[in-house]
């Protein structure tokens, strides 16, 4: 899935593109295919390892 991931990140392949895989009866938009839907989900950044310092008065 490396090439697909890179193309999704650069916008060359979007969730509205049609895709097909063996076993599917018809083409479907990529966001509805379970193996591809994760390419389009936006994950939040990781939490910081420690909280920010408190302001000093």
C-alpha atoms as a PDB file:
ATOM      1  CA  UNK A   1       0.000   0.000   0.000  1.00  0.00           C
ATOM      2  CA  UNK A   2       3.079   2.253  -0.064  1.00  0.00           C
ATOM      3  CA  UNK A   3       2.429   3.776  -3.503  1.00  0.00           C
ATOM      4  CA  UNK A   4      -1.238   4.346  -2.702  1.00  0.00           C
ATOM      5  CA  UNK A   5      -0.371   6.014   0.574  1.00  0.00           C
ATOM      6  CA  UNK A   6       2.082   8.389  -1.105  1.00  0.00           C
ATOM      7  CA  UNK A   7      -0.411   9.255  -3.853  1.00  0.00           C
ATOM      8  CA  UNK A   8      -3.113   9.894  -1.246  1.00  0.00           C
ATOM      9  CA  UNK A   9      -0.778  12.181   0.722  1.00  0.00           C
ATOM     10  CA  UNK A  10       0.070  14.217  -2.371  1.00  0.00           C
ATOM     11  CA  UNK A  11      -3.543  14.407  -3.561  1.00  0.00           C
ATOM     12  CA  UNK A  12      -2.966  12.289  -6.696  1.00  0.00           C
ATOM     13  CA  UNK A  13      -5.405   9.682  -5.325  1.00  0.00           C
ATOM     14  CA  UNK A  14      -8.392  10.940  -3.338  1.00  0.00           C
ATOM     15  CA  UNK A  15     -11.332   9.367  -1.543  1.00  0.00           C
ATOM     16  CA  UNK A  16     -13.567  10.307  -4.484  1.00  0.00           C
ATOM     17  CA  UNK A  17     -11.554   8.303  -7.041  1.00  0.00           C
ATOM     18  CA  UNK A  18     -13.145   5.042  -8.132  1.00  0.00           C
ATOM     19  CA  UNK A  19     -11.365   1.792  -7.347  1.00  0.00           C
ATOM     20  CA  UNK A  20     -12.013  -1.889  -7.828  1.00  0.00           C
ATOM     21  CA  UNK A  21     -10.587  -5.093  -6.371  1.00  0.00           C
ATOM     22  CA  UNK A  22     -11.131  -8.741  -7.094  1.00  0.00           C
ATOM     23  CA  UNK A  23     -14.410  -9.930  -5.626  1.00  0.00           C
ATOM     24  CA  UNK A  24     -16.225  -6.603  -6.021  1.00  0.00           C
ATOM     25  CA  UNK A  25     -19.244  -6.520  -8.324  1.00  0.00           C
ATOM     26  CA  UNK A  26     -18.672  -2.918  -9.423  1.00  0.00           C
ATOM     27  CA  UNK A  27     -16.319   0.035  -9.081  1.00  0.00           C
ATOM     28  CA  UNK A  28     -16.740   2.009  -5.859  1.00  0.00           C
ATOM     29  CA  UNK A  29     -15.397   5.292  -4.489  1.00  0.00           C
ATOM     30  CA  UNK A  30     -12.169   4.672  -2.598  1.00  0.00           C
ATOM     31  CA  UNK A  31     -13.431   5.909   0.770  1.00  0.00           C
ATOM     32  CA  UNK A  32     -16.016   3.092   0.833  1.00  0.00           C
ATOM     33  CA  UNK A  33     -13.415   0.336   0.370  1.00  0.00           C
ATOM     34  CA  UNK A  34     -12.191  -0.795   3.776  1.00  0.00           C
ATOM     35  CA  UNK A  35      -8.604  -1.428   2.640  1.00  0.00           C
ATOM     36  CA  UNK A  36      -8.354   2.118   1.264  1.00  0.00           C
ATOM     37  CA  UNK A  37     -10.432   4.167   3.703  1.00  0.00           C
ATOM     38  CA  UNK A  38      -7.556   4.449   6.191  1.00  0.00           C
ATOM     39  CA  UNK A  39      -5.553   6.371   3.576  1.00  0.00           C
ATOM     40  CA  UNK A  40      -7.975   9.263   3.884  1.00  0.00           C
ATOM     41  CA  UNK A  41      -8.475   9.459   7.634  1.00  0.00           C
ATOM     42  CA  UNK A  42      -6.713  12.302   9.346  1.00  0.00           C
ATOM     43  CA  UNK A  43      -4.970  11.294  12.548  1.00  0.00           C
ATOM     44  CA  UNK A  44      -4.283  13.903  15.209  1.00  0.00           C
ATOM     45  CA  UNK A  45      -0.663  14.561  16.110  1.00  0.00           C
ATOM     46  CA  UNK A  46       0.737  12.556  19.042  1.00  0.00           C
ATOM     47  CA  UNK A  47       0.363  13.954  22.528  1.00  0.00           C
ATOM     48  CA  UNK A  48       3.410  15.723  23.935  1.00  0.00           C
ATOM     49  CA  UNK A  49       5.583  13.565  26.182  1.00  0.00           C
ATOM     50  CA  UNK A  50       5.230  16.054  29.030  1.00  0.00           C
ATOM     51  CA  UNK A  51       2.794  18.875  29.724  1.00  0.00           C
ATOM     52  CA  UNK A  52       3.891  22.434  28.938  1.00  0.00           C
ATOM     53  CA  UNK A  53       5.348  24.410  31.820  1.00  0.00           C
ATOM     54  CA  UNK A  54       2.979  26.519  33.887  1.00  0.00           C
ATOM     55  CA  UNK A  55       3.294  30.264  33.421  1.00  0.00           C
ATOM     56  CA  UNK A  56       5.118  32.102  36.193  1.00  0.00           C
ATOM     57  CA  UNK A  57       3.375  35.082  37.750  1.00  0.00           C
END
